[in-house]
């Protein structure tokens, strides 16, 4: 077994332990999540049987809102919000705030509602 594979397996085990120890979503968090898919987020699964993760992406002008959402779900987020620049073929620059949750069974209800 390669060293990188060992590190990845150890990381996966630690992430699984972390995820298993998370508290359930609050009713406030669930209500917020139900309305958010109509905004700038993506609900994802790696495979049909995997848990759900949520990718958040908002305009650079939404900094306060992004940090509010981050604070609301931070126990399920490993990396704080960061900015991403995209240059379109037209030459226009678009900067957005991004972050995503870990894959978590607590988020599967959202996938089931919309898919």
PDB file of N, CA and C in Angstrom:
ATOM      1  N   UNK A   1       0.846  -1.180   0.000  1.00  0.00           N
ATOM      2  CA  UNK A   1       0.000   0.000   0.000  1.00  0.00           C
ATOM      3  C   UNK A   1       0.893   1.245   0.000  1.00  0.00           C
ATOM      4  N   UNK A   2       0.559   2.196  -0.833  1.00  0.00           N
ATOM      5  CA  UNK A   2       1.330   3.416  -0.937  1.00  0.00           C
ATOM      6  C   UNK A   2       1.073   4.309   0.271  1.00  0.00           C
ATOM      7  N   UNK A   3       2.054   5.167   0.581  1.00  0.00           N
ATOM      8  CA  UNK A   3       1.935   6.072   1.719  1.00  0.00           C
ATOM      9  C   UNK A   3       0.727   6.995   1.569  1.00  0.00           C
ATOM     10  N   UNK A   4       0.500   7.515   0.359  1.00  0.00           N
ATOM     11  CA  UNK A   4      -0.631   8.416   0.132  1.00  0.00           C
ATOM     12  C   UNK A   4      -1.956   7.715   0.414  1.00  0.00           C
ATOM     13  N   UNK A   5      -2.069   6.442   0.014  1.00  0.00           N
ATOM     14  CA  UNK A   5      -3.294   5.686   0.266  1.00  0.00           C
ATOM     15  C   UNK A   5      -3.531   5.524   1.763  1.00  0.00           C
ATOM     16  N   UNK A   6      -2.448   5.271   2.532  1.00  0.00           N
ATOM     17  CA  UNK A   6      -2.576   5.140   3.983  1.00  0.00           C
ATOM     18  C   UNK A   6      -3.084   6.438   4.589  1.00  0.00           C
ATOM     19  N   UNK A   7      -2.523   7.571   4.153  1.00  0.00           N
ATOM     20  CA  UNK A   7      -2.937   8.861   4.672  1.00  0.00           C
ATOM     21  C   UNK A   7      -4.400   9.117   4.350  1.00  0.00           C
ATOM     22  N   UNK A   8      -4.833   8.807   3.141  1.00  0.00           N
ATOM     23  CA  UNK A   8      -6.218   9.037   2.738  1.00  0.00           C
ATOM     24  C   UNK A   8      -7.163   8.166   3.568  1.00  0.00           C
ATOM     25  N   UNK A   9      -6.795   6.918   3.805  1.00  0.00           N
ATOM     26  CA  UNK A   9      -7.657   6.046   4.598  1.00  0.00           C
ATOM     27  C   UNK A   9      -7.761   6.558   6.027  1.00  0.00           C
ATOM     28  N   UNK A  10      -6.659   7.031   6.596  1.00  0.00           N
ATOM     29  CA  UNK A  10      -6.673   7.594   7.937  1.00  0.00           C
ATOM     30  C   UNK A  10      -7.524   8.842   8.000  1.00  0.00           C
ATOM     31  N   UNK A  11      -7.428   9.683   6.990  1.00  0.00           N
ATOM     32  CA  UNK A  11      -8.229  10.902   6.938  1.00  0.00           C
ATOM     33  C   UNK A  11      -9.701  10.552   6.817  1.00  0.00           C
ATOM     34  N   UNK A  12     -10.021   9.588   5.984  1.00  0.00           N
ATOM     35  CA  UNK A  12     -11.415   9.175   5.823  1.00  0.00           C
ATOM     36  C   UNK A  12     -11.979   8.648   7.136  1.00  0.00           C
ATOM     37  N   UNK A  13     -11.184   7.907   7.880  1.00  0.00           N
ATOM     38  CA  UNK A  13     -11.635   7.357   9.158  1.00  0.00           C
ATOM     39  C   UNK A  13     -11.895   8.496  10.147  1.00  0.00           C
ATOM     40  N   UNK A  14     -10.988   9.467  10.209  1.00  0.00           N
ATOM     41  CA  UNK A  14     -11.167  10.603  11.116  1.00  0.00           C
ATOM     42  C   UNK A  14     -12.390  11.423  10.724  1.00  0.00           C
ATOM     43  N   UNK A  15     -12.590  11.624   9.417  1.00  0.00           N
ATOM     44  CA  UNK A  15     -13.752  12.380   8.950  1.00  0.00           C
ATOM     45  C   UNK A  15     -15.037  11.644   9.290  1.00  0.00           C
ATOM     46  N   UNK A  16     -15.036  10.341   9.134  1.00  0.00           N
ATOM     47  CA  UNK A  16     -16.212   9.532   9.469  1.00  0.00           C
ATOM     48  C   UNK A  16     -16.514   9.636  10.967  1.00  0.00           C
ATOM     49  N   UNK A  17     -15.476   9.564  11.807  1.00  0.00           N
ATOM     50  CA  UNK A  17     -15.667   9.709  13.255  1.00  0.00           C
ATOM     51  C   UNK A  17     -16.221  11.090  13.580  1.00  0.00           C
ATOM     52  N   UNK A  18     -15.670  12.112  12.939  1.00  0.00           N
ATOM     53  CA  UNK A  18     -16.141  13.483  13.156  1.00  0.00           C
ATOM     54  C   UNK A  18     -17.617  13.605  12.776  1.00  0.00           C
ATOM     55  N   UNK A  19     -17.958  13.095  11.596  1.00  0.00           N
ATOM     56  CA  UNK A  19     -19.335  13.171  11.101  1.00  0.00           C
ATOM     57  C   UNK A  19     -20.294  12.426  12.035  1.00  0.00           C
ATOM     58  N   UNK A  20     -19.886  11.277  12.528  1.00  0.00           N
ATOM     59  CA  UNK A  20     -20.751  10.488  13.415  1.00  0.00           C
ATOM     60  C   UNK A  20     -21.012  11.190  14.747  1.00  0.00           C
ATOM     61  N   UNK A  21     -20.138  12.113  15.138  1.00  0.00           N
ATOM     62  CA  UNK A  21     -20.295  12.812  16.413  1.00  0.00           C
ATOM     63  C   UNK A  21     -20.980  14.165  16.283  1.00  0.00           C
ATOM     64  N   UNK A  22     -21.406  14.528  15.086  1.00  0.00           N
ATOM     65  CA  UNK A  22     -22.098  15.809  14.912  1.00  0.00           C
ATOM     66  C   UNK A  22     -23.497  15.744  15.504  1.00  0.00           C
ATOM     67  N   UNK A  23     -23.958  16.855  16.060  1.00  0.00           N
ATOM     68  CA  UNK A  23     -25.342  16.865  16.556  1.00  0.00           C
ATOM     69  C   UNK A  23     -26.311  16.906  15.376  1.00  0.00           C
ATOM     70  N   UNK A  24     -27.546  16.509  15.581  1.00  0.00           N
ATOM     71  CA  UNK A  24     -28.536  16.597  14.504  1.00  0.00           C
ATOM     72  C   UNK A  24     -28.768  18.060  14.114  1.00  0.00           C
ATOM     73  N   UNK A  25     -29.227  18.266  12.902  1.00  0.00           N
ATOM     74  CA  UNK A  25     -29.588  19.615  12.477  1.00  0.00           C
ATOM     75  C   UNK A  25     -30.730  20.131  13.349  1.00  0.00           C
ATOM     76  N   UNK A  26     -30.694  21.407  13.638  1.00  0.00           N
ATOM     77  CA  UNK A  26     -31.802  22.011  14.379  1.00  0.00           C
ATOM     78  C   UNK A  26     -32.958  22.259  13.413  1.00  0.00           C
ATOM     79  N   UNK A  27     -34.142  22.498  13.935  1.00  0.00           N
ATOM     80  CA  UNK A  27     -35.285  22.787  13.060  1.00  0.00           C
ATOM     81  C   UNK A  27     -35.039  24.083  12.285  1.00  0.00           C
ATOM     82  N   UNK A  28     -34.358  25.043  12.901  1.00  0.00           N
ATOM     83  CA  UNK A  28     -34.026  26.301  12.211  1.00  0.00           C
ATOM     84  C   UNK A  28     -33.098  26.041  11.029  1.00  0.00           C
ATOM     85  N   UNK A  29     -32.087  25.193  11.226  1.00  0.00           N
ATOM     86  CA  UNK A  29     -31.172  24.846  10.139  1.00  0.00           C
ATOM     87  C   UNK A  29     -31.917  24.137   9.012  1.00  0.00           C
ATOM     88  N   UNK A  30     -32.801  23.225   9.341  1.00  0.00           N
ATOM     89  CA  UNK A  30     -33.565  22.507   8.322  1.00  0.00           C
ATOM     90  C   UNK A  30     -34.456  23.463   7.528  1.00  0.00           C
ATOM     91  N   UNK A  31     -35.121  24.369   8.226  1.00  0.00           N
ATOM     92  CA  UNK A  31     -35.976  25.339   7.534  1.00  0.00           C
ATOM     93  C   UNK A  31     -35.159  26.218   6.592  1.00  0.00           C
ATOM     94  N   UNK A  32     -33.988  26.643   7.039  1.00  0.00           N
ATOM     95  CA  UNK A  32     -33.122  27.464   6.186  1.00  0.00           C
ATOM     96  C   UNK A  32     -32.698  26.675   4.952  1.00  0.00           C
ATOM     97  N   UNK A  33     -32.351  25.417   5.138  1.00  0.00           N
ATOM     98  CA  UNK A  33     -31.890  24.599   4.010  1.00  0.00           C
ATOM     99  C   UNK A  33     -32.981  24.372   2.971  1.00  0.00           C
ATOM    100  N   UNK A  34     -34.218  24.288   3.384  1.00  0.00           N
ATOM    101  CA  UNK A  34     -35.305  24.048   2.432  1.00  0.00           C
ATOM    102  C   UNK A  34     -35.460  25.239   1.487  1.00  0.00           C
ATOM    103  N   UNK A  35     -35.255  26.452   1.951  1.00  0.00           N
ATOM    104  CA  UNK A  35     -35.384  27.633   1.097  1.00  0.00           C
ATOM    105  C   UNK A  35     -34.145  27.940   0.286  1.00  0.00           C
ATOM    106  N   UNK A  36     -32.985  27.513   0.736  1.00  0.00           N
ATOM    107  CA  UNK A  36     -31.728  27.882   0.070  1.00  0.00           C
ATOM    108  C   UNK A  36     -31.548  27.328  -1.351  1.00  0.00           C
ATOM    109  N   UNK A  37     -32.054  26.134  -1.694  1.00  0.00           N
ATOM    110  CA  UNK A  37     -31.846  25.656  -3.063  1.00  0.00           C
ATOM    111  C   UNK A  37     -32.420  26.568  -4.143  1.00  0.00           C
ATOM    112  N   UNK A  38     -33.299  27.472  -3.759  1.00  0.00           N
ATOM    113  CA  UNK A  38     -33.829  28.418  -4.735  1.00  0.00           C
ATOM    114  C   UNK A  38     -32.860  29.575  -4.952  1.00  0.00           C
ATOM    115  N   UNK A  39     -31.778  29.590  -4.181  1.00  0.00           N
ATOM    116  CA  UNK A  39     -30.730  30.606  -4.310  1.00  0.00           C
ATOM    117  C   UNK A  39     -29.522  30.019  -5.006  1.00  0.00           C
ATOM    118  N   UNK A  40     -28.368  30.288  -4.460  1.00  0.00           N
ATOM    119  CA  UNK A  40     -27.112  29.906  -5.107  1.00  0.00           C
ATOM    120  C   UNK A  40     -26.409  28.774  -4.376  1.00  0.00           C
ATOM    121  N   UNK A  41     -27.044  27.642  -4.294  1.00  0.00           N
ATOM    122  CA  UNK A  41     -26.363  26.484  -3.744  1.00  0.00           C
ATOM    123  C   UNK A  41     -26.687  25.258  -4.571  1.00  0.00           C
ATOM    124  N   UNK A  42     -25.853  24.245  -4.393  1.00  0.00           N
ATOM    125  CA  UNK A  42     -26.002  23.001  -5.134  1.00  0.00           C
ATOM    126  C   UNK A  42     -26.053  21.846  -4.145  1.00  0.00           C
ATOM    127  N   UNK A  43     -26.984  20.945  -4.344  1.00  0.00           N
ATOM    128  CA  UNK A  43     -27.105  19.746  -3.517  1.00  0.00           C
ATOM    129  C   UNK A  43     -26.448  18.612  -4.303  1.00  0.00           C
ATOM    130  N   UNK A  44     -25.488  17.917  -3.672  1.00  0.00           N
ATOM    131  CA  UNK A  44     -24.729  16.912  -4.407  1.00  0.00           C
ATOM    132  C   UNK A  44     -24.591  15.604  -3.639  1.00  0.00           C
ATOM    133  N   UNK A  45     -24.471  14.519  -4.405  1.00  0.00           N
ATOM    134  CA  UNK A  45     -24.080  13.205  -3.889  1.00  0.00           C
ATOM    135  C   UNK A  45     -22.992  12.679  -4.809  1.00  0.00           C
ATOM    136  N   UNK A  46     -21.947  12.085  -4.240  1.00  0.00           N
ATOM    137  CA  UNK A  46     -20.891  11.490  -5.055  1.00  0.00           C
ATOM    138  C   UNK A  46     -21.405  10.280  -5.826  1.00  0.00           C
ATOM    139  N   UNK A  47     -22.201   9.459  -5.152  1.00  0.00           N
ATOM    140  CA  UNK A  47     -22.821   8.279  -5.756  1.00  0.00           C
ATOM    141  C   UNK A  47     -24.262   8.217  -5.254  1.00  0.00           C
ATOM    142  N   UNK A  48     -25.112   7.422  -5.877  1.00  0.00           N
ATOM    143  CA  UNK A  48     -26.498   7.338  -5.417  1.00  0.00           C
ATOM    144  C   UNK A  48     -26.638   6.904  -3.946  1.00  0.00           C
ATOM    145  N   UNK A  49     -25.676   6.143  -3.434  1.00  0.00           N
ATOM    146  CA  UNK A  49     -25.763   5.643  -2.058  1.00  0.00           C
ATOM    147  C   UNK A  49     -24.971   6.473  -1.049  1.00  0.00           C
ATOM    148  N   UNK A  50     -24.299   7.501  -1.495  1.00  0.00           N
ATOM    149  CA  UNK A  50     -23.490   8.302  -0.570  1.00  0.00           C
ATOM    150  C   UNK A  50     -24.348   9.355   0.122  1.00  0.00           C
ATOM    151  N   UNK A  51     -23.773   9.982   1.129  1.00  0.00           N
ATOM    152  CA  UNK A  51     -24.467  11.053   1.831  1.00  0.00           C
ATOM    153  C   UNK A  51     -24.393  12.348   1.020  1.00  0.00           C
ATOM    154  N   UNK A  52     -25.193  13.307   1.426  1.00  0.00           N
ATOM    155  CA  UNK A  52     -25.355  14.561   0.695  1.00  0.00           C
ATOM    156  C   UNK A  52     -24.407  15.627   1.215  1.00  0.00           C
ATOM    157  N   UNK A  53     -23.894  16.441   0.289  1.00  0.00           N
ATOM    158  CA  UNK A  53     -23.146  17.637   0.666  1.00  0.00           C
ATOM    159  C   UNK A  53     -23.773  18.821  -0.051  1.00  0.00           C
ATOM    160  N   UNK A  54     -23.556  19.993   0.511  1.00  0.00           N
ATOM    161  CA  UNK A  54     -24.119  21.208  -0.073  1.00  0.00           C
ATOM    162  C   UNK A  54     -22.994  22.161  -0.413  1.00  0.00           C
ATOM    163  N   UNK A  55     -23.030  22.665  -1.635  1.00  0.00           N
ATOM    164  CA  UNK A  55     -22.062  23.649  -2.108  1.00  0.00           C
ATOM    165  C   UNK A  55     -22.746  25.008  -2.158  1.00  0.00           C
ATOM    166  N   UNK A  56     -22.190  25.975  -1.437  1.00  0.00           N
ATOM    167  CA  UNK A  56     -22.723  27.330  -1.405  1.00  0.00           C
ATOM    168  C   UNK A  56     -21.873  28.215  -2.308  1.00  0.00           C
ATOM    169  N   UNK A  57     -22.517  29.088  -3.090  1.00  0.00           N
ATOM    170  CA  UNK A  57     -21.788  30.047  -3.922  1.00  0.00           C
ATOM    171  C   UNK A  57     -22.640  31.301  -4.081  1.00  0.00           C
ATOM    172  N   UNK A  58     -22.065  32.428  -3.681  1.00  0.00           N
ATOM    173  CA  UNK A  58     -22.785  33.703  -3.698  1.00  0.00           C
ATOM    174  C   UNK A  58     -21.881  34.807  -4.251  1.00  0.00           C
ATOM    175  N   UNK A  59     -22.498  35.873  -4.725  1.00  0.00           N
ATOM    176  CA  UNK A  59     -21.726  36.984  -5.286  1.00  0.00           C
ATOM    177  C   UNK A  59     -20.840  37.614  -4.219  1.00  0.00           C
ATOM    178  N   UNK A  60     -19.812  38.275  -4.662  1.00  0.00           N
ATOM    179  CA  UNK A  60     -18.854  38.914  -3.769  1.00  0.00           C
ATOM    180  C   UNK A  60     -19.531  39.968  -2.892  1.00  0.00           C
ATOM    181  N   UNK A  61     -20.652  40.497  -3.344  1.00  0.00           N
ATOM    182  CA  UNK A  61     -21.369  41.533  -2.597  1.00  0.00           C
ATOM    183  C   UNK A  61     -22.181  40.961  -1.433  1.00  0.00           C
ATOM    184  N   UNK A  62     -22.232  39.650  -1.321  1.00  0.00           N
ATOM    185  CA  UNK A  62     -23.049  38.989  -0.295  1.00  0.00           C
ATOM    186  C   UNK A  62     -22.229  38.528   0.903  1.00  0.00           C
ATOM    187  N   UNK A  63     -21.160  39.200   1.200  1.00  0.00           N
ATOM    188  CA  UNK A  63     -20.217  38.766   2.236  1.00  0.00           C
ATOM    189  C   UNK A  63     -20.885  38.518   3.591  1.00  0.00           C
ATOM    190  N   UNK A  64     -21.710  39.445   4.045  1.00  0.00           N
ATOM    191  CA  UNK A  64     -22.356  39.274   5.354  1.00  0.00           C
ATOM    192  C   UNK A  64     -23.280  38.055   5.356  1.00  0.00           C
ATOM    193  N   UNK A  65     -24.015  37.874   4.274  1.00  0.00           N
ATOM    194  CA  UNK A  65     -24.932  36.735   4.171  1.00  0.00           C
ATOM    195  C   UNK A  65     -24.152  35.418   4.143  1.00  0.00           C
ATOM    196  N   UNK A  66     -23.067  35.393   3.382  1.00  0.00           N
ATOM    197  CA  UNK A  66     -22.229  34.194   3.285  1.00  0.00           C
ATOM    198  C   UNK A  66     -21.695  33.815   4.665  1.00  0.00           C
ATOM    199  N   UNK A  67     -21.207  34.795   5.390  1.00  0.00           N
ATOM    200  CA  UNK A  67     -20.655  34.500   6.717  1.00  0.00           C
ATOM    201  C   UNK A  67     -21.752  34.115   7.714  1.00  0.00           C
ATOM    202  N   UNK A  68     -22.952  34.631   7.537  1.00  0.00           N
ATOM    203  CA  UNK A  68     -24.087  34.203   8.354  1.00  0.00           C
ATOM    204  C   UNK A  68     -24.388  32.722   8.089  1.00  0.00           C
ATOM    205  N   UNK A  69     -24.442  32.332   6.810  1.00  0.00           N
ATOM    206  CA  UNK A  69     -24.697  30.929   6.470  1.00  0.00           C
ATOM    207  C   UNK A  69     -23.574  30.029   6.977  1.00  0.00           C
ATOM    208  N   UNK A  70     -22.353  30.510   6.840  1.00  0.00           N
ATOM    209  CA  UNK A  70     -21.214  29.738   7.349  1.00  0.00           C
ATOM    210  C   UNK A  70     -21.367  29.507   8.850  1.00  0.00           C
ATOM    211  N   UNK A  71     -21.698  30.554   9.603  1.00  0.00           N
ATOM    212  CA  UNK A  71     -21.881  30.424  11.048  1.00  0.00           C
ATOM    213  C   UNK A  71     -23.024  29.462  11.390  1.00  0.00           C
ATOM    214  N   UNK A  72     -24.059  29.470  10.572  1.00  0.00           N
ATOM    215  CA  UNK A  72     -25.214  28.615  10.800  1.00  0.00           C
ATOM    216  C   UNK A  72     -24.866  27.129  10.645  1.00  0.00           C
ATOM    217  N   UNK A  73     -23.979  26.816   9.711  1.00  0.00           N
ATOM    218  CA  UNK A  73     -23.658  25.413   9.404  1.00  0.00           C
ATOM    219  C   UNK A  73     -22.204  25.049   9.652  1.00  0.00           C
ATOM    220  N   UNK A  74     -21.442  25.877  10.382  1.00  0.00           N
ATOM    221  CA  UNK A  74     -19.996  25.703  10.492  1.00  0.00           C
ATOM    222  C   UNK A  74     -19.557  24.367  11.070  1.00  0.00           C
ATOM    223  N   UNK A  75     -20.388  23.723  11.863  1.00  0.00           N
ATOM    224  CA  UNK A  75     -19.979  22.421  12.395  1.00  0.00           C
ATOM    225  C   UNK A  75     -19.909  21.357  11.298  1.00  0.00           C
ATOM    226  N   UNK A  76     -20.512  21.624  10.158  1.00  0.00           N
ATOM    227  CA  UNK A  76     -20.480  20.688   9.034  1.00  0.00           C
ATOM    228  C   UNK A  76     -19.591  21.183   7.894  1.00  0.00           C
ATOM    229  N   UNK A  77     -18.795  22.203   8.157  1.00  0.00           N
ATOM    230  CA  UNK A  77     -17.924  22.803   7.135  1.00  0.00           C
ATOM    231  C   UNK A  77     -16.489  22.754   7.634  1.00  0.00           C
ATOM    232  N   UNK A  78     -15.593  22.227   6.815  1.00  0.00           N
ATOM    233  CA  UNK A  78     -14.203  22.106   7.235  1.00  0.00           C
ATOM    234  C   UNK A  78     -13.347  23.290   6.814  1.00  0.00           C
ATOM    235  N   UNK A  79     -13.754  23.993   5.764  1.00  0.00           N
ATOM    236  CA  UNK A  79     -12.977  25.121   5.244  1.00  0.00           C
ATOM    237  C   UNK A  79     -13.857  26.358   5.214  1.00  0.00           C
ATOM    238  N   UNK A  80     -13.394  27.474   5.774  1.00  0.00           N
ATOM    239  CA  UNK A  80     -14.221  28.689   5.782  1.00  0.00           C
ATOM    240  C   UNK A  80     -14.448  29.223   4.363  1.00  0.00           C
ATOM    241  N   UNK A  81     -15.398  30.149   4.206  1.00  0.00           N
ATOM    242  CA  UNK A  81     -15.660  30.724   2.884  1.00  0.00           C
ATOM    243  C   UNK A  81     -14.394  31.324   2.266  1.00  0.00           C
ATOM    244  N   UNK A  82     -14.301  31.181   0.958  1.00  0.00           N
ATOM    245  CA  UNK A  82     -13.174  31.744   0.212  1.00  0.00           C
ATOM    246  C   UNK A  82     -13.714  32.336  -1.086  1.00  0.00           C
ATOM    247  N   UNK A  83     -12.922  33.206  -1.696  1.00  0.00           N
ATOM    248  CA  UNK A  83     -13.360  33.814  -2.955  1.00  0.00           C
ATOM    249  C   UNK A  83     -12.764  33.067  -4.139  1.00  0.00           C
ATOM    250  N   UNK A  84     -13.500  33.087  -5.219  1.00  0.00           N
ATOM    251  CA  UNK A  84     -13.084  32.435  -6.469  1.00  0.00           C
ATOM    252  C   UNK A  84     -13.347  33.395  -7.615  1.00  0.00           C
ATOM    253  N   UNK A  85     -12.333  33.637  -8.425  1.00  0.00           N
ATOM    254  CA  UNK A  85     -12.471  34.491  -9.603  1.00  0.00           C
ATOM    255  C   UNK A  85     -12.676  33.632 -10.843  1.00  0.00           C
ATOM    256  N   UNK A  86     -13.599  34.067 -11.690  1.00  0.00           N
ATOM    257  CA  UNK A  86     -13.813  33.427 -12.991  1.00  0.00           C
ATOM    258  C   UNK A  86     -13.814  34.506 -14.052  1.00  0.00           C
ATOM    259  N   UNK A  87     -13.106  34.238 -15.121  1.00  0.00           N
ATOM    260  CA  UNK A  87     -13.111  35.164 -16.251  1.00  0.00           C
ATOM    261  C   UNK A  87     -13.871  34.484 -17.381  1.00  0.00           C
ATOM    262  N   UNK A  88     -14.936  35.127 -17.806  1.00  0.00           N
ATOM    263  CA  UNK A  88     -15.760  34.573 -18.876  1.00  0.00           C
ATOM    264  C   UNK A  88     -15.117  34.852 -20.228  1.00  0.00           C
ATOM    265  N   UNK A  89     -15.572  34.147 -21.245  1.00  0.00           N
ATOM    266  CA  UNK A  89     -15.025  34.328 -22.585  1.00  0.00           C
ATOM    267  C   UNK A  89     -15.209  35.761 -23.074  1.00  0.00           C
ATOM    268  N   UNK A  90     -16.188  36.453 -22.514  1.00  0.00           N
ATOM    269  CA  UNK A  90     -16.416  37.851 -22.879  1.00  0.00           C
ATOM    270  C   UNK A  90     -15.371  38.777 -22.251  1.00  0.00           C
ATOM    271  N   UNK A  91     -14.573  38.222 -21.327  1.00  0.00           N
ATOM    272  CA  UNK A  91     -13.576  39.028 -20.636  1.00  0.00           C
ATOM    273  C   UNK A  91     -14.054  39.571 -19.303  1.00  0.00           C
ATOM    274  N   UNK A  92     -15.327  39.367 -18.985  1.00  0.00           N
ATOM    275  CA  UNK A  92     -15.868  39.849 -17.712  1.00  0.00           C
ATOM    276  C   UNK A  92     -15.354  38.990 -16.555  1.00  0.00           C
ATOM    277  N   UNK A  93     -15.038  39.660 -15.455  1.00  0.00           N
ATOM    278  CA  UNK A  93     -14.572  38.984 -14.253  1.00  0.00           C
ATOM    279  C   UNK A  93     -15.735  38.828 -13.286  1.00  0.00           C
ATOM    280  N   UNK A  94     -15.896  37.639 -12.751  1.00  0.00           N
ATOM    281  CA  UNK A  94     -16.924  37.368 -11.755  1.00  0.00           C
ATOM    282  C   UNK A  94     -16.252  36.771 -10.528  1.00  0.00           C
ATOM    283  N   UNK A  95     -16.405  37.406  -9.384  1.00  0.00           N
ATOM    284  CA  UNK A  95     -15.845  36.907  -8.130  1.00  0.00           C
ATOM    285  C   UNK A  95     -16.987  36.463  -7.233  1.00  0.00           C
ATOM    286  N   UNK A  96     -16.868  35.245  -6.699  1.00  0.00           N
ATOM    287  CA  UNK A  96     -17.908  34.710  -5.829  1.00  0.00           C
ATOM    288  C   UNK A  96     -17.292  34.204  -4.531  1.00  0.00           C
ATOM    289  N   UNK A  97     -18.148  34.127  -3.508  1.00  0.00           N
ATOM    290  CA  UNK A  97     -17.808  33.468  -2.251  1.00  0.00           C
ATOM    291  C   UNK A  97     -18.243  32.018  -2.375  1.00  0.00           C
ATOM    292  N   UNK A  98     -17.420  31.089  -1.864  1.00  0.00           N
ATOM    293  CA  UNK A  98     -17.747  29.664  -1.927  1.00  0.00           C
ATOM    294  C   UNK A  98     -17.396  28.962  -0.622  1.00  0.00           C
ATOM    295  N   UNK A  99     -18.125  27.920  -0.322  1.00  0.00           N
ATOM    296  CA  UNK A  99     -17.777  26.949   0.708  1.00  0.00           C
ATOM    297  C   UNK A  99     -18.731  25.772   0.566  1.00  0.00           C
ATOM    298  N   UNK A 100     -18.399  24.641   1.166  1.00  0.00           N
ATOM    299  CA  UNK A 100     -19.292  23.497   1.106  1.00  0.00           C
ATOM    300  C   UNK A 100     -19.238  22.702   2.402  1.00  0.00           C
ATOM    301  N   UNK A 101     -20.308  21.971   2.635  1.00  0.00           N
ATOM    302  CA  UNK A 101     -20.384  21.108   3.812  1.00  0.00           C
ATOM    303  C   UNK A 101     -19.664  19.801   3.520  1.00  0.00           C
ATOM    304  N   UNK A 102     -19.436  19.038   4.563  1.00  0.00           N
ATOM    305  CA  UNK A 102     -18.982  17.668   4.383  1.00  0.00           C
ATOM    306  C   UNK A 102     -20.198  16.844   3.962  1.00  0.00           C
ATOM    307  N   UNK A 103     -19.968  15.682   3.403  1.00  0.00           N
ATOM    308  CA  UNK A 103     -21.073  14.774   3.094  1.00  0.00           C
ATOM    309  C   UNK A 103     -21.609  14.246   4.417  1.00  0.00           C
ATOM    310  N   UNK A 104     -22.922  14.362   4.621  1.00  0.00           N
ATOM    311  CA  UNK A 104     -23.503  14.059   5.921  1.00  0.00           C
ATOM    312  C   UNK A 104     -24.907  13.486   5.733  1.00  0.00           C
ATOM    313  N   UNK A 105     -25.213  12.414   6.431  1.00  0.00           N
ATOM    314  CA  UNK A 105     -26.531  11.792   6.318  1.00  0.00           C
ATOM    315  C   UNK A 105     -27.647  12.731   6.794  1.00  0.00           C
ATOM    316  N   UNK A 106     -27.326  13.679   7.670  1.00  0.00           N
ATOM    317  CA  UNK A 106     -28.314  14.655   8.143  1.00  0.00           C
ATOM    318  C   UNK A 106     -28.832  15.535   7.001  1.00  0.00           C
ATOM    319  N   UNK A 107     -28.080  15.618   5.911  1.00  0.00           N
ATOM    320  CA  UNK A 107     -28.470  16.462   4.783  1.00  0.00           C
ATOM    321  C   UNK A 107     -29.219  15.690   3.704  1.00  0.00           C
ATOM    322  N   UNK A 108     -29.337  14.377   3.867  1.00  0.00           N
ATOM    323  CA  UNK A 108     -30.000  13.555   2.849  1.00  0.00           C
ATOM    324  C   UNK A 108     -31.464  13.947   2.629  1.00  0.00           C
ATOM    325  N   UNK A 109     -32.129  14.444   3.660  1.00  0.00           N
ATOM    326  CA  UNK A 109     -33.532  14.832   3.517  1.00  0.00           C
ATOM    327  C   UNK A 109     -33.685  15.893   2.433  1.00  0.00           C
ATOM    328  N   UNK A 110     -32.703  16.777   2.310  1.00  0.00           N
ATOM    329  CA  UNK A 110     -32.763  17.850   1.325  1.00  0.00           C
ATOM    330  C   UNK A 110     -32.656  17.284  -0.093  1.00  0.00           C
ATOM    331  N   UNK A 111     -31.775  16.334  -0.276  1.00  0.00           N
ATOM    332  CA  UNK A 111     -31.630  15.669  -1.583  1.00  0.00           C
ATOM    333  C   UNK A 111     -32.936  14.985  -1.955  1.00  0.00           C
ATOM    334  N   UNK A 112     -33.549  14.311  -0.975  1.00  0.00           N
ATOM    335  CA  UNK A 112     -34.798  13.591  -1.237  1.00  0.00           C
ATOM    336  C   UNK A 112     -35.944  14.539  -1.602  1.00  0.00           C
ATOM    337  N   UNK A 113     -35.982  15.719  -1.017  1.00  0.00           N
ATOM    338  CA  UNK A 113     -37.024  16.682  -1.327  1.00  0.00           C
ATOM    339  C   UNK A 113     -36.918  17.170  -2.767  1.00  0.00           C
ATOM    340  N   UNK A 114     -35.697  17.490  -3.208  1.00  0.00           N
ATOM    341  CA  UNK A 114     -35.528  18.134  -4.511  1.00  0.00           C
ATOM    342  C   UNK A 114     -35.175  17.175  -5.650  1.00  0.00           C
ATOM    343  N   UNK A 115     -34.811  15.945  -5.327  1.00  0.00           N
ATOM    344  CA  UNK A 115     -34.500  15.000  -6.391  1.00  0.00           C
ATOM    345  C   UNK A 115     -35.355  13.795  -6.219  1.00  0.00           C
TER     346      UNK A 115
END
